[in-house]
Amino acid sequence: LFLGHTRSVEVERLVEIGWVREVPAVKHVRPRV
């Protein structure tokens, strides 16, 4: 399990090639930037 507020580019590559599955977030209140 990889967890972070941001996603590293290395993990993003693993997600895009299908080696890591992205679990969508629901009901997260994002900061008001």
All heavy atoms as atom14 arrays in JSON, in Angstrom:
{
  "sequence": "LFLGHTRSVEVERLVEIGWVREVPAVKHVRPRV",
  "atom14_mask": [
    [1, 1, 1, 1, 1, 1, 1, 1, 0, 0, 0, 0, 0, 0],
    [1, 1, 1, 1, 1, 1, 1, 1, 1, 1, 1, 0, 0, 0],
    [1, 1, 1, 1, 1, 1, 1, 1, 0, 0, 0, 0, 0, 0],
    [1, 1, 1, 1, 0, 0, 0, 0, 0, 0, 0, 0, 0, 0],
    [1, 1, 1, 1, 1, 1, 1, 1, 1, 1, 0, 0, 0, 0],
    [1, 1, 1, 1, 1, 1, 1, 0, 0, 0, 0, 0, 0, 0],
    [1, 1, 1, 1, 1, 1, 1, 1, 1, 1, 1, 0, 0, 0],
    [1, 1, 1, 1, 1, 1, 0, 0, 0, 0, 0, 0, 0, 0],
    [1, 1, 1, 1, 1, 1, 1, 0, 0, 0, 0, 0, 0, 0],
    [1, 1, 1, 1, 1, 1, 1, 1, 1, 0, 0, 0, 0, 0],
    [1, 1, 1, 1, 1, 1, 1, 0, 0, 0, 0, 0, 0, 0],
    [1, 1, 1, 1, 1, 1, 1, 1, 1, 0, 0, 0, 0, 0],
    [1, 1, 1, 1, 1, 1, 1, 1, 1, 1, 1, 0, 0, 0],
    [1, 1, 1, 1, 1, 1, 1, 1, 0, 0, 0, 0, 0, 0],
    [1, 1, 1, 1, 1, 1, 1, 0, 0, 0, 0, 0, 0, 0],
    [1, 1, 1, 1, 1, 1, 1, 1, 1, 0, 0, 0, 0, 0],
    [1, 1, 1, 1, 1, 1, 1, 1, 0, 0, 0, 0, 0, 0],
    [1, 1, 1, 1, 0, 0, 0, 0, 0, 0, 0, 0, 0, 0],
    [1, 1, 1, 1, 1, 1, 1, 1, 1, 1, 1, 1, 1, 1],
    [1, 1, 1, 1, 1, 1, 1, 0, 0, 0, 0, 0, 0, 0],
    [1, 1, 1, 1, 1, 1, 1, 1, 1, 1, 1, 0, 0, 0],
    [1, 1, 1, 1, 1, 1, 1, 1, 1, 0, 0, 0, 0, 0],
    [1, 1, 1, 1, 1, 1, 1, 0, 0, 0, 0, 0, 0, 0],
    [1, 1, 1, 1, 1, 1, 1, 0, 0, 0, 0, 0, 0, 0],
    [1, 1, 1, 1, 1, 0, 0, 0, 0, 0, 0, 0, 0, 0],
    [1, 1, 1, 1, 1, 1, 1, 0, 0, 0, 0, 0, 0, 0],
    [1, 1, 1, 1, 1, 1, 1, 1, 1, 0, 0, 0, 0, 0],
    [1, 1, 1, 1, 1, 1, 1, 1, 1, 1, 0, 0, 0, 0],
    [1, 1, 1, 1, 1, 1, 1, 0, 0, 0, 0, 0, 0, 0],
    [1, 1, 1, 1, 1, 1, 1, 1, 1, 1, 1, 0, 0, 0],
    [1, 1, 1, 1, 1, 1, 1, 0, 0, 0, 0, 0, 0, 0],
    [1, 1, 1, 1, 1, 1, 1, 1, 1, 1, 1, 0, 0, 0],
    [1, 1, 1, 1, 1, 1, 1, 0, 0, 0, 0, 0, 0, 0]
  ],
  "atom14_positions": [
    [[0.85, -1.19, 0.0], [0.0, 0.0, 0.0], [0.88, 1.24, 0.0], [1.74, 1.41, 0.87], [-0.91, -0.02, 1.23], [-2.06, 0.98, 1.33], [-3.15, 0.41, 2.23], [-1.59, 2.3, 1.92], [0.0, 0.0, 0.0], [0.0, 0.0, 0.0], [0.0, 0.0, 0.0], [0.0, 0.0, 0.0], [0.0, 0.0, 0.0], [0.0, 0.0, 0.0]],
    [[0.67, 2.11, -1.0], [1.34, 3.41, -1.06], [0.31, 4.48, -0.72], [-0.74, 4.56, -1.37], [1.92, 3.68, -2.44], [3.03, 2.75, -2.83], [2.82, 1.77, -3.8], [4.28, 2.85, -2.25], [3.84, 0.91, -4.17], [5.31, 1.99, -2.61], [5.09, 1.02, -3.56], [0.0, 0.0, 0.0], [0.0, 0.0, 0.0], [0.0, 0.0, 0.0]],
    [[0.62, 5.31, 0.26], [-0.31, 6.34, 0.7], [0.4, 7.68, 0.75], [1.55, 7.76, 1.21], [-0.86, 6.0, 2.1], [-1.86, 6.97, 2.72], [-3.18, 6.95, 1.95], [-2.11, 6.64, 4.19], [0.0, 0.0, 0.0], [0.0, 0.0, 0.0], [0.0, 0.0, 0.0], [0.0, 0.0, 0.0], [0.0, 0.0, 0.0], [0.0, 0.0, 0.0]],
    [[-0.25, 8.74, 0.29], [0.33, 10.07, 0.35], [-0.69, 11.12, -0.05], [-1.7, 10.82, -0.7], [0.0, 0.0, 0.0], [0.0, 0.0, 0.0], [0.0, 0.0, 0.0], [0.0, 0.0, 0.0], [0.0, 0.0, 0.0], [0.0, 0.0, 0.0], [0.0, 0.0, 0.0], [0.0, 0.0, 0.0], [0.0, 0.0, 0.0], [0.0, 0.0, 0.0]],
    [[-0.43, 12.37, 0.35], [-1.29, 13.45, -0.13], [-1.02, 13.71, -1.6], [-1.94, 14.02, -2.36], [-1.03, 14.72, 0.69], [-1.47, 14.61, 2.11], [-0.64, 14.86, 3.17], [-2.66, 14.26, 2.66], [-1.3, 14.68, 4.3], [-2.52, 14.3, 4.02], [0.0, 0.0, 0.0], [0.0, 0.0, 0.0], [0.0, 0.0, 0.0], [0.0, 0.0, 0.0]],
    [[0.25, 13.61, -2.0], [0.62, 13.65, -3.41], [1.07, 12.25, -3.82], [1.32, 11.39, -2.97], [1.75, 14.65, -3.65], [2.88, 14.27, -2.86], [1.32, 16.06, -3.26], [0.0, 0.0, 0.0], [0.0, 0.0, 0.0], [0.0, 0.0, 0.0], [0.0, 0.0, 0.0], [0.0, 0.0, 0.0], [0.0, 0.0, 0.0], [0.0, 0.0, 0.0]],
    [[1.18, 12.06, -5.11], [1.63, 10.76, -5.61], [2.99, 10.95, -6.28], [3.15, 11.84, -7.13], [0.64, 10.19, -6.62], [1.04, 8.83, -7.19], [-0.03, 8.28, -8.11], [-1.26, 8.02, -7.38], [-2.43, 7.74, -7.94], [-2.52, 7.71, -9.27], [-3.49, 7.5, -7.21], [0.0, 0.0, 0.0], [0.0, 0.0, 0.0], [0.0, 0.0, 0.0]],
    [[3.95, 10.15, -5.88], [5.26, 10.24, -6.52], [5.14, 9.8, -7.97], [4.26, 9.02, -8.35], [6.27, 9.37, -5.78], [5.98, 7.99, -5.96], [0.0, 0.0, 0.0], [0.0, 0.0, 0.0], [0.0, 0.0, 0.0], [0.0, 0.0, 0.0], [0.0, 0.0, 0.0], [0.0, 0.0, 0.0], [0.0, 0.0, 0.0], [0.0, 0.0, 0.0]],
    [[6.03, 10.33, -8.81], [6.01, 9.97, -10.23], [6.33, 8.49, -10.4], [5.83, 7.84, -11.33], [7.0, 10.85, -11.01], [6.93, 10.56, -12.49], [6.7, 12.33, -10.77], [0.0, 0.0, 0.0], [0.0, 0.0, 0.0], [0.0, 0.0, 0.0], [0.0, 0.0, 0.0], [0.0, 0.0, 0.0], [0.0, 0.0, 0.0], [0.0, 0.0, 0.0]],
    [[7.14, 7.93, -9.5], [7.45, 6.5, -9.57], [6.2, 5.64, -9.36], [5.97, 4.67, -10.09], [8.51, 6.13, -8.53], [9.91, 6.6, -8.86], [10.13, 8.07, -8.54], [9.22, 8.71, -7.98], [11.23, 8.57, -8.84], [0.0, 0.0, 0.0], [0.0, 0.0, 0.0], [0.0, 0.0, 0.0], [0.0, 0.0, 0.0], [0.0, 0.0, 0.0]],
    [[5.38, 6.01, -8.38], [4.15, 5.24, -8.15], [3.16, 5.48, -9.28], [2.44, 4.55, -9.68], [3.54, 5.63, -6.78], [2.16, 5.02, -6.62], [4.44, 5.16, -5.64], [0.0, 0.0, 0.0], [0.0, 0.0, 0.0], [0.0, 0.0, 0.0], [0.0, 0.0, 0.0], [0.0, 0.0, 0.0], [0.0, 0.0, 0.0], [0.0, 0.0, 0.0]],
    [[3.13, 6.69, -9.82], [2.24, 6.96, -10.95], [2.59, 6.07, -12.14], [1.71, 5.56, -12.83], [2.33, 8.43, -11.35], [1.51, 8.81, -12.57], [0.02, 8.56, -12.41], [-0.48, 8.56, -11.26], [-0.66, 8.34, -13.43], [0.0, 0.0, 0.0], [0.0, 0.0, 0.0], [0.0, 0.0, 0.0], [0.0, 0.0, 0.0], [0.0, 0.0, 0.0]],
    [[3.87, 5.84, -12.39], [4.27, 4.93, -13.47], [3.74, 3.52, -13.21], [3.24, 2.85, -14.13], [5.79, 4.9, -13.61], [6.29, 4.08, -14.8], [7.8, 3.89, -14.76], [8.18, 2.92, -13.74], [8.23, 1.61, -13.93], [7.92, 1.09, -15.12], [8.58, 0.79, -12.96], [0.0, 0.0, 0.0], [0.0, 0.0, 0.0], [0.0, 0.0, 0.0]],
    [[3.84, 3.07, -11.97], [3.35, 1.73, -11.64], [1.84, 1.63, -11.81], [1.32, 0.59, -12.21], [3.75, 1.38, -10.2], [5.25, 1.26, -9.93], [5.51, 1.12, -8.42], [5.85, 0.09, -10.67], [0.0, 0.0, 0.0], [0.0, 0.0, 0.0], [0.0, 0.0, 0.0], [0.0, 0.0, 0.0], [0.0, 0.0, 0.0], [0.0, 0.0, 0.0]],
    [[1.14, 2.72, -11.51], [-0.32, 2.72, -11.71], [-0.65, 2.66, -13.2], [-1.54, 1.91, -13.63], [-0.94, 3.98, -11.05], [-2.4, 4.12, -11.45], [-0.81, 3.91, -9.53], [0.0, 0.0, 0.0], [0.0, 0.0, 0.0], [0.0, 0.0, 0.0], [0.0, 0.0, 0.0], [0.0, 0.0, 0.0], [0.0, 0.0, 0.0], [0.0, 0.0, 0.0]],
    [[0.07, 3.44, -14.0], [-0.25, 3.51, -15.42], [0.07, 2.21, -16.16], [-0.59, 1.89, -17.15], [0.49, 4.68, -16.05], [-0.03, 6.04, -15.57], [0.54, 7.2, -16.36], [1.23, 6.96, -17.38], [0.31, 8.36, -15.95], [0.0, 0.0, 0.0], [0.0, 0.0, 0.0], [0.0, 0.0, 0.0], [0.0, 0.0, 0.0], [0.0, 0.0, 0.0]],
    [[1.07, 1.46, -15.7], [1.37, 0.19, -16.37], [0.55, -0.95, -15.79], [0.68, -2.1, -16.23], [2.88, -0.16, -16.29], [3.3, -0.42, -14.84], [3.72, 0.93, -16.93], [4.75, -0.89, -14.71], [0.0, 0.0, 0.0], [0.0, 0.0, 0.0], [0.0, 0.0, 0.0], [0.0, 0.0, 0.0], [0.0, 0.0, 0.0], [0.0, 0.0, 0.0]],
    [[-0.29, -0.66, -14.79], [-1.18, -1.68, -14.23], [-0.56, -2.54, -13.15], [-1.19, -3.5, -12.71], [0.0, 0.0, 0.0], [0.0, 0.0, 0.0], [0.0, 0.0, 0.0], [0.0, 0.0, 0.0], [0.0, 0.0, 0.0], [0.0, 0.0, 0.0], [0.0, 0.0, 0.0], [0.0, 0.0, 0.0], [0.0, 0.0, 0.0], [0.0, 0.0, 0.0]],
    [[0.64, -2.22, -12.7], [1.28, -3.02, -11.65], [0.72, -2.68, -10.27], [0.72, -3.52, -9.37], [2.78, -2.79, -11.68], [3.57, -3.76, -10.88], [4.28, -3.51, -9.75], [3.75, -5.16, -11.13], [4.88, -4.65, -9.27], [4.57, -5.69, -10.11], [3.28, -6.02, -12.12], [4.93, -7.03, -10.06], [3.65, -7.36, -12.07], [4.46, -7.84, -11.04]],
    [[0.23, -1.45, -10.09], [-0.39, -1.0, -8.84], [-1.8, -0.51, -9.16], [-2.01, 0.2, -10.14], [0.44, 0.12, -8.19], [-0.31, 0.74, -7.01], [1.8, -0.41, -7.74], [0.0, 0.0, 0.0], [0.0, 0.0, 0.0], [0.0, 0.0, 0.0], [0.0, 0.0, 0.0], [0.0, 0.0, 0.0], [0.0, 0.0, 0.0], [0.0, 0.0, 0.0]],
    [[-2.75, -0.91, -8.32], [-4.15, -0.51, -8.54], [-4.47, 0.73, -7.73], [-4.16, 0.82, -6.55], [-5.09, -1.65, -8.11], [-6.58, -1.32, -8.26], [-7.44, -2.54, -8.0], [-7.4, -2.97, -6.62], [-8.26, -2.56, -5.67], [-9.21, -1.68, -5.98], [-8.17, -3.03, -4.44], [0.0, 0.0, 0.0], [0.0, 0.0, 0.0], [0.0, 0.0, 0.0]],
    [[-5.08, 1.71, -8.4], [-5.5, 2.92, -7.73], [-6.84, 2.7, -7.03], [-7.8, 2.21, -7.66], [-5.63, 4.07, -8.73], [-6.06, 5.39, -8.1], [-6.14, 6.5, -9.12], [-6.2, 6.2, -10.33], [-6.14, 7.68, -8.71], [0.0, 0.0, 0.0], [0.0, 0.0, 0.0], [0.0, 0.0, 0.0], [0.0, 0.0, 0.0], [0.0, 0.0, 0.0]],
    [[-6.91, 3.02, -5.75], [-8.16, 2.91, -4.99], [-8.75, 4.32, -4.87], [-8.16, 5.18, -4.2], [-7.93, 2.31, -3.59], [-9.23, 2.25, -2.82], [-7.31, 0.92, -3.71], [0.0, 0.0, 0.0], [0.0, 0.0, 0.0], [0.0, 0.0, 0.0], [0.0, 0.0, 0.0], [0.0, 0.0, 0.0], [0.0, 0.0, 0.0], [0.0, 0.0, 0.0]],
    [[-9.88, 4.59, -5.5], [-10.43, 5.96, -5.49], [-10.84, 6.39, -4.08], [-11.32, 5.59, -3.28], [-11.65, 5.86, -6.41], [-11.46, 4.61, -7.2], [-10.69, 3.68, -6.33], [0.0, 0.0, 0.0], [0.0, 0.0, 0.0], [0.0, 0.0, 0.0], [0.0, 0.0, 0.0], [0.0, 0.0, 0.0], [0.0, 0.0, 0.0], [0.0, 0.0, 0.0]],
    [[-10.63, 7.66, -3.81], [-11.06, 8.23, -2.53], [-12.47, 8.79, -2.68], [-12.84, 9.32, -3.72], [-10.11, 9.35, -2.11], [0.0, 0.0, 0.0], [0.0, 0.0, 0.0], [0.0, 0.0, 0.0], [0.0, 0.0, 0.0], [0.0, 0.0, 0.0], [0.0, 0.0, 0.0], [0.0, 0.0, 0.0], [0.0, 0.0, 0.0], [0.0, 0.0, 0.0]],
    [[-13.25, 8.65, -1.63], [-14.6, 9.21, -1.6], [-14.78, 9.98, -0.29], [-14.21, 9.62, 0.74], [-15.68, 8.11, -1.72], [-15.6, 7.44, -3.08], [-15.55, 7.08, -0.62], [0.0, 0.0, 0.0], [0.0, 0.0, 0.0], [0.0, 0.0, 0.0], [0.0, 0.0, 0.0], [0.0, 0.0, 0.0], [0.0, 0.0, 0.0], [0.0, 0.0, 0.0]],
    [[-15.53, 11.05, -0.35], [-15.89, 11.84, 0.83], [-14.69, 12.5, 1.51], [-14.71, 12.78, 2.7], [-16.66, 10.99, 1.86], [-17.96, 10.42, 1.34], [-18.66, 9.59, 2.41], [-19.96, 9.0, 1.89], [-20.64, 8.16, 2.9], [0.0, 0.0, 0.0], [0.0, 0.0, 0.0], [0.0, 0.0, 0.0], [0.0, 0.0, 0.0], [0.0, 0.0, 0.0]],
    [[-13.61, 12.72, 0.74], [-12.5, 13.49, 1.29], [-12.78, 14.98, 1.1], [-13.14, 15.42, 0.01], [-11.19, 13.13, 0.59], [-10.63, 11.82, 1.03], [-9.43, 11.33, 0.55], [-11.09, 10.89, 1.91], [-9.18, 10.15, 1.11], [-10.17, 9.87, 1.93], [0.0, 0.0, 0.0], [0.0, 0.0, 0.0], [0.0, 0.0, 0.0], [0.0, 0.0, 0.0]],
    [[-12.62, 15.75, 2.16], [-12.8, 17.2, 2.08], [-11.45, 17.81, 1.74], [-10.52, 17.78, 2.54], [-13.33, 17.77, 3.41], [-13.48, 19.28, 3.32], [-14.66, 17.11, 3.78], [0.0, 0.0, 0.0], [0.0, 0.0, 0.0], [0.0, 0.0, 0.0], [0.0, 0.0, 0.0], [0.0, 0.0, 0.0], [0.0, 0.0, 0.0], [0.0, 0.0, 0.0]],
    [[-11.33, 18.36, 0.53], [-10.03, 18.88, 0.11], [-9.79, 20.26, 0.72], [-10.74, 21.01, 0.99], [-9.95, 18.96, -1.41], [-10.84, 20.02, -2.02], [-10.84, 19.91, -3.53], [-11.52, 21.05, -4.14], [-11.91, 21.09, -5.4], [-11.73, 20.03, -6.17], [-12.49, 22.17, -5.89], [0.0, 0.0, 0.0], [0.0, 0.0, 0.0], [0.0, 0.0, 0.0]],
    [[-8.53, 20.64, 0.93], [-8.23, 21.96, 1.49], [-8.66, 23.09, 0.55], [-8.7, 22.93, -0.68], [-6.7, 21.93, 1.63], [-6.34, 20.48, 1.66], [-7.34, 19.8, 0.8], [0.0, 0.0, 0.0], [0.0, 0.0, 0.0], [0.0, 0.0, 0.0], [0.0, 0.0, 0.0], [0.0, 0.0, 0.0], [0.0, 0.0, 0.0], [0.0, 0.0, 0.0]],
    [[-8.97, 24.24, 1.14], [-9.38, 25.42, 0.36], [-8.14, 26.25, 0.05], [-7.78, 27.17, 0.79], [-10.42, 26.23, 1.13], [-11.0, 27.41, 0.35], [-12.3, 27.88, 0.97], [-12.12, 28.44, 2.29], [-11.93, 29.75, 2.53], [-11.9, 30.61, 1.52], [-11.81, 30.19, 3.77], [0.0, 0.0, 0.0], [0.0, 0.0, 0.0], [0.0, 0.0, 0.0]],
    [[-7.48, 25.91, -1.06], [-6.23, 26.56, -1.44], [-6.54, 27.79, -2.29], [-7.31, 27.71, -3.26], [-5.31, 25.59, -2.2], [-4.0, 26.28, -2.57], [-5.04, 24.35, -1.36], [0.0, 0.0, 0.0], [0.0, 0.0, 0.0], [0.0, 0.0, 0.0], [0.0, 0.0, 0.0], [0.0, 0.0, 0.0], [0.0, 0.0, 0.0], [0.0, 0.0, 0.0]]
  ]
}
